[in-house]
Amino acid sequence: MCRYIPTTMLLNKQITAITYKTLTSKVITTRLYNSKFTKYQKSPSPSSLDDVPDIIESNVVSENEEKKKIYATKPLEEVVNQVSLKSSSVNKIYAINEGEINWATSFKGLSQEPFSAEACKILQLPIAKIDVEIKPDGILYLPEIKYRRILNKAFGPGAWGLVPRSEPVIINGNIVTRDYALVILGRLVSLCSGEQTFFGDDQIITALEGCKSNALMRCCKDLGIASELWDPLFIGEFKTKNCKAQIVEHIKTKAKKRVWMKNSDNTPPYPFKLSR
């Protein structure tokens, strides 16, 4: 066990800041407590124990907790408020009447029975190679609209939907993530977390939509849709026959790197150009 002594306490209506100095470590951890987010950062160590003021309060922190890797995270509400959005708990957002299923917590119908033979055939059809795209780092993917079309064809528009199972959360300031459930014909089919990277508060709305699309793609893996994209043999064959690796140059920094493109593409994605 490690004994922590708080040396500074600043209290106002929104934030309480407590700085703890440990007698067994050279690191001081400052924790900013807010009703909406918690952020962790490190401060320099005191030169000696003489610098430690009188004890205001003591706290015991387990060694396991101290060893955990802590990320600076905060609920999305802190950011989306800047674009006039409000967020609350999933259960509060969706009012559930008596007798209705709360899909934010329910597992109703999971692995209950197979879907119809016709639907299963559509879900497991081989993907058209013309629909497969490749990212600059060589990762194959199917555009999310293709997943939606396959679900619509198998079950019909309106027979399926994605239900949020948690609040959106921002990780490290540039990744938004949220848990979703795929519900089809009144049955829970799959659960997953979606994620999306963004580079500014003005991109929050687009990032939320991208997070949802990413969750849909991951949920569809459980239905066997586009399963080839996780098959190493298919990946290797597809890249050999349909893709090429090109050396490109960053337009601004002039840095060179290798990127992947389909054979039908003649120009690399922005901000790169073919290197001469």
Protein backbone atom coordinates (compact mmCIF):
# COMPACT_ATOMS: atom_id res chain seq x y z
CA MET A 1 0.00 0.00 0.00
CA CYS A 2 1.14 3.49 -0.69
CA ARG A 3 0.25 6.47 1.47
CA TYR A 4 -0.70 9.68 -0.33
CA ILE A 5 -0.88 13.09 1.30
CA PRO A 6 -2.92 15.84 -0.42
CA THR A 7 -1.01 19.12 -0.42
CA THR A 8 -3.35 21.41 -2.32
CA MET A 9 -7.11 21.56 -2.38
CA LEU A 10 -8.89 24.06 -4.62
CA LEU A 11 -12.67 23.95 -4.54
CA ASN A 12 -15.15 25.91 -6.63
CA LYS A 13 -18.51 25.20 -8.21
CA GLN A 14 -17.08 23.11 -11.01
CA ILE A 15 -13.66 21.65 -10.22
CA THR A 16 -11.93 20.28 -7.16
CA ALA A 17 -8.17 19.89 -7.64
CA ILE A 18 -6.28 17.66 -5.23
CA THR A 19 -2.50 17.16 -5.41
CA TYR A 20 -1.16 14.05 -3.71
CA LYS A 21 2.49 13.55 -2.69
CA THR A 22 3.57 10.02 -2.05
CA LEU A 23 6.10 9.11 0.61
CA THR A 24 7.28 6.11 -1.38
CA SER A 25 7.47 7.53 -4.91
CA LYS A 26 9.06 10.51 -6.62
CA VAL A 27 5.92 11.26 -8.60
CA ILE A 28 3.12 13.61 -7.63
CA THR A 29 -0.22 12.92 -9.29
CA THR A 30 -2.67 15.76 -9.72
CA ARG A 31 -6.26 14.66 -10.21
CA LEU A 32 -8.83 17.13 -11.47
CA TYR A 33 -12.26 16.04 -10.34
CA ASN A 34 -15.27 17.29 -12.22
CA SER A 35 -18.82 15.99 -12.30
CA LYS A 36 -18.42 15.46 -16.04
CA PHE A 37 -14.84 14.32 -16.54
CA THR A 38 -11.64 13.23 -14.86
CA LYS A 39 -8.23 14.15 -16.23
CA TYR A 40 -4.91 12.87 -14.98
CA GLN A 41 -1.54 14.56 -15.27
CA LYS A 42 1.88 14.43 -13.58
CA SER A 43 3.73 17.17 -11.74
CA PRO A 44 7.42 17.40 -10.74
CA SER A 45 8.55 15.68 -7.55
CA PRO A 46 9.31 17.72 -4.40
CA SER A 47 12.98 18.10 -3.61
CA SER A 48 12.48 16.70 -0.10
CA LEU A 49 9.82 15.69 2.38
CA ASP A 50 10.32 19.08 4.05
CA ASP A 51 8.40 20.57 1.13
CA VAL A 52 5.30 18.62 2.09
CA PRO A 53 2.84 20.91 3.94
CA ASP A 54 0.68 19.86 6.86
CA ILE A 55 -1.69 16.98 6.16
CA ILE A 56 -5.11 18.09 4.98
CA GLU A 57 -6.47 14.65 4.33
CA SER A 58 -5.07 11.16 3.83
CA ASN A 59 -6.06 8.59 1.29
CA VAL A 60 -5.00 5.01 0.68
CA VAL A 61 -4.67 3.87 -2.91
CA SER A 62 -4.16 0.22 -3.78
CA GLU A 63 -1.04 -0.83 -5.64
CA ASN A 64 -3.17 -2.33 -8.39
CA GLU A 65 -4.88 1.00 -9.02
CA GLU A 66 -1.55 2.81 -9.08
CA LYS A 67 -0.19 0.45 -11.71
CA LYS A 68 -3.12 0.93 -14.07
CA LYS A 69 -2.42 2.81 -17.29
CA ILE A 70 -4.53 5.93 -17.14
CA TYR A 71 -5.75 7.76 -20.20
CA ALA A 72 -7.05 11.30 -20.29
CA THR A 73 -10.72 10.73 -21.06
CA LYS A 74 -13.90 12.70 -20.78
CA PRO A 75 -17.52 12.16 -21.78
CA LEU A 76 -18.41 13.67 -25.11
CA GLU A 77 -20.81 16.13 -23.50
CA GLU A 78 -17.96 18.48 -22.58
CA VAL A 79 -17.12 18.92 -26.25
CA VAL A 80 -20.46 18.63 -28.00
CA ASN A 81 -21.88 21.35 -25.77
CA GLN A 82 -19.80 23.68 -27.90
CA VAL A 83 -21.90 22.73 -30.89
CA SER A 84 -25.21 23.05 -29.05
CA LEU A 85 -25.73 19.36 -28.33
CA LYS A 86 -26.73 17.83 -25.03
CA SER A 87 -25.90 14.35 -23.78
CA SER A 88 -27.22 12.34 -20.87
CA SER A 89 -27.35 8.70 -19.91
CA VAL A 90 -28.76 6.28 -22.46
CA ASN A 91 -31.61 5.32 -20.17
CA LYS A 92 -32.64 8.95 -19.80
CA ILE A 93 -32.42 9.71 -23.51
CA TYR A 94 -34.78 6.90 -24.44
CA ALA A 95 -37.87 6.83 -22.24
CA ILE A 96 -39.00 3.22 -21.80
CA ASN A 97 -42.68 2.58 -21.22
CA GLU A 98 -43.83 -0.30 -19.07
CA GLY A 99 -43.69 -3.56 -20.99
CA GLU A 100 -41.29 -2.23 -23.66
CA ILE A 101 -37.80 -3.64 -24.18
CA ASN A 102 -34.92 -1.42 -23.12
CA TRP A 103 -32.35 -2.26 -25.80
CA ALA A 104 -29.77 -0.18 -23.94
CA THR A 105 -29.50 -3.07 -21.46
CA SER A 106 -31.51 -6.03 -22.84
CA PHE A 107 -30.09 -9.21 -24.40
CA LYS A 108 -33.44 -10.46 -25.66
CA GLY A 109 -33.27 -12.99 -28.50
CA LEU A 110 -29.49 -13.41 -28.51
CA SER A 111 -28.63 -16.78 -30.16
CA GLN A 112 -32.31 -17.73 -30.02
CA GLU A 113 -32.53 -19.33 -33.47
CA PRO A 114 -31.08 -18.97 -36.99
CA PHE A 115 -32.54 -16.49 -39.42
CA SER A 116 -34.37 -17.78 -42.46
CA ALA A 117 -32.43 -19.73 -45.08
CA GLU A 118 -33.04 -16.96 -47.61
CA ALA A 119 -31.63 -14.29 -45.30
CA CYS A 120 -28.62 -16.43 -44.39
CA LYS A 121 -27.83 -16.98 -48.07
CA ILE A 122 -27.79 -13.23 -48.73
CA LEU A 123 -25.64 -12.53 -45.66
CA GLN A 124 -23.00 -15.09 -46.63
CA LEU A 125 -22.72 -14.26 -50.32
CA PRO A 126 -19.12 -13.63 -51.44
CA ILE A 127 -18.40 -9.92 -51.68
CA ALA A 128 -17.86 -8.39 -55.10
CA LYS A 129 -14.18 -7.59 -55.47
CA ILE A 130 -15.04 -4.33 -57.17
CA ASP A 131 -16.62 -3.17 -53.91
CA VAL A 132 -13.50 -3.80 -51.81
CA GLU A 133 -11.35 -0.76 -51.05
CA ILE A 134 -7.87 -0.48 -49.57
CA LYS A 135 -6.50 2.06 -47.10
CA PRO A 136 -3.07 3.65 -47.61
CA ASP A 137 -1.67 1.36 -44.88
CA GLY A 138 -2.82 -1.73 -46.78
CA ILE A 139 -5.95 -2.58 -44.76
CA LEU A 140 -8.84 -3.88 -46.89
CA TYR A 141 -12.36 -2.69 -46.10
CA LEU A 142 -15.89 -2.56 -47.43
CA PRO A 143 -17.60 0.87 -47.44
CA GLU A 144 -20.22 0.97 -44.69
CA ILE A 145 -23.05 1.70 -47.14
CA LYS A 146 -22.47 -1.80 -48.56
CA TYR A 147 -23.23 -3.33 -45.15
CA ARG A 148 -26.48 -1.36 -44.97
CA ARG A 149 -27.53 -2.53 -48.43
CA ILE A 150 -26.85 -6.16 -47.54
CA LEU A 151 -28.92 -5.87 -44.34
CA ASN A 152 -31.74 -4.17 -46.24
CA LYS A 153 -31.70 -6.89 -48.88
CA ALA A 154 -31.69 -9.71 -46.32
CA PHE A 155 -34.28 -8.36 -43.87
CA GLY A 156 -35.86 -5.30 -45.45
CA PRO A 157 -35.54 -1.60 -44.55
CA GLY A 158 -36.85 -0.97 -41.05
CA ALA A 159 -36.31 -4.53 -39.84
CA TRP A 160 -32.92 -3.80 -38.30
CA GLY A 161 -31.26 -1.00 -36.34
CA LEU A 162 -28.29 0.07 -34.22
CA VAL A 163 -29.01 0.92 -30.58
CA PRO A 164 -26.50 2.89 -28.44
CA ARG A 165 -25.54 1.04 -25.26
CA SER A 166 -23.43 3.78 -23.69
CA GLU A 167 -22.69 7.49 -23.82
CA PRO A 168 -20.08 8.73 -26.31
CA VAL A 169 -16.63 9.08 -24.74
CA ILE A 170 -13.55 10.90 -26.02
CA ILE A 171 -10.19 9.20 -25.49
CA ASN A 172 -6.92 11.15 -25.56
CA GLY A 173 -8.69 14.15 -27.02
CA ASN A 174 -9.03 12.85 -30.59
CA ILE A 175 -10.87 9.51 -30.57
CA VAL A 176 -14.60 9.17 -29.95
CA THR A 177 -16.00 5.77 -29.00
CA ARG A 178 -19.44 4.42 -28.16
CA ASP A 179 -20.99 1.00 -27.56
CA TYR A 180 -23.76 -0.18 -29.92
CA ALA A 181 -26.08 -3.17 -30.30
CA LEU A 182 -27.35 -4.50 -33.61
CA VAL A 183 -31.03 -5.49 -33.33
CA ILE A 184 -32.74 -7.41 -36.15
CA LEU A 185 -36.40 -8.44 -36.22
CA GLY A 186 -36.72 -7.64 -32.52
CA ARG A 187 -33.69 -9.73 -31.54
CA LEU A 188 -30.29 -8.71 -30.25
CA VAL A 189 -27.69 -9.97 -32.71
CA SER A 190 -24.34 -8.42 -31.80
CA LEU A 191 -22.60 -5.96 -29.47
CA CYS A 192 -19.49 -3.91 -30.15
CA SER A 193 -17.73 -0.58 -29.64
CA GLY A 194 -17.38 1.84 -32.54
CA GLU A 195 -14.56 4.36 -32.80
CA GLN A 196 -13.58 7.30 -34.95
CA THR A 197 -10.59 9.66 -34.96
CA PHE A 198 -11.12 13.41 -35.35
CA PHE A 199 -8.87 16.48 -35.33
CA GLY A 200 -11.01 19.33 -34.04
CA ASP A 201 -14.19 20.12 -32.14
CA ASP A 202 -15.84 21.17 -35.39
CA GLN A 203 -15.59 17.54 -36.56
CA ILE A 204 -17.52 16.05 -33.62
CA ILE A 205 -20.79 15.51 -35.51
CA THR A 206 -19.04 13.77 -38.40
CA ALA A 207 -16.98 11.72 -35.95
CA LEU A 208 -20.14 10.52 -34.18
CA GLU A 209 -21.57 9.30 -37.48
CA GLY A 210 -18.28 7.62 -38.34
CA CYS A 211 -18.27 5.94 -34.93
CA LYS A 212 -21.73 4.52 -35.61
CA SER A 213 -20.69 3.26 -39.05
CA ASN A 214 -17.61 1.61 -37.57
CA ALA A 215 -19.80 -0.15 -35.00
CA LEU A 216 -22.13 -1.40 -37.76
CA MET A 217 -19.21 -2.91 -39.65
CA ARG A 218 -17.99 -4.71 -36.53
CA CYS A 219 -21.44 -6.01 -35.64
CA CYS A 220 -21.89 -7.38 -39.14
CA LYS A 221 -18.89 -9.66 -38.68
CA ASP A 222 -21.06 -11.82 -36.43
CA LEU A 223 -23.48 -12.29 -39.34
CA GLY A 224 -20.70 -13.37 -41.68
CA ILE A 225 -20.99 -10.29 -43.91
CA ALA A 226 -17.73 -9.63 -45.81
CA SER A 227 -15.95 -12.27 -43.71
CA GLU A 228 -13.32 -12.55 -46.45
CA LEU A 229 -11.82 -9.28 -45.28
CA TRP A 230 -10.52 -11.08 -42.18
CA ASP A 231 -9.24 -14.11 -44.11
CA PRO A 232 -5.43 -13.91 -44.58
CA LEU A 233 -5.56 -15.99 -47.78
CA PHE A 234 -8.14 -13.69 -49.38
CA ILE A 235 -6.27 -10.59 -48.26
CA GLY A 236 -2.97 -11.76 -49.72
CA GLU A 237 -4.51 -12.84 -53.03
CA PHE A 238 -6.56 -9.66 -53.40
CA LYS A 239 -3.61 -7.35 -52.74
CA THR A 240 -1.39 -9.30 -55.15
CA LYS A 241 -3.88 -9.20 -58.03
CA ASN A 242 -5.74 -5.93 -57.49
CA CYS A 243 -3.47 -3.55 -55.58
CA LYS A 244 -0.10 -1.87 -55.82
CA ALA A 245 2.31 -0.20 -53.40
CA GLN A 246 3.61 3.19 -54.47
CA ILE A 247 6.25 5.52 -53.08
CA VAL A 248 4.63 8.90 -52.54
CA GLU A 249 5.72 12.32 -51.28
CA HIS A 250 3.88 14.54 -48.83
CA ILE A 251 2.92 17.75 -50.60
CA LYS A 252 3.92 20.03 -47.71
CA THR A 253 6.63 18.23 -45.74
CA LYS A 254 8.18 16.43 -48.75
CA ALA A 255 8.45 13.31 -46.61
CA LYS A 256 8.33 10.06 -48.56
CA LYS A 257 6.46 6.88 -47.64
CA ARG A 258 4.89 3.82 -49.20
CA VAL A 259 1.11 3.70 -49.62
CA TRP A 260 -1.26 1.11 -51.05
CA MET A 261 -3.70 1.82 -53.89
CA LYS A 262 -5.94 -0.24 -56.15
CA ASN A 263 -4.57 -0.85 -59.64
CA SER A 264 -7.41 1.25 -61.03
CA ASP A 265 -6.28 4.31 -59.04
CA ASN A 266 -3.75 6.59 -60.70
CA THR A 267 -3.27 9.20 -57.99
CA PRO A 268 -2.59 8.69 -54.26
CA PRO A 269 -4.90 10.18 -51.62
CA TYR A 270 -4.39 13.76 -50.44
CA PRO A 271 -1.99 15.11 -49.15
CA PHE A 272 0.37 12.88 -51.15
CA LYS A 273 1.62 12.87 -54.72
CA LEU A 274 3.60 10.26 -56.63
CA SER A 275 7.29 10.52 -55.95
CA ARG A 276 9.62 10.89 -58.93
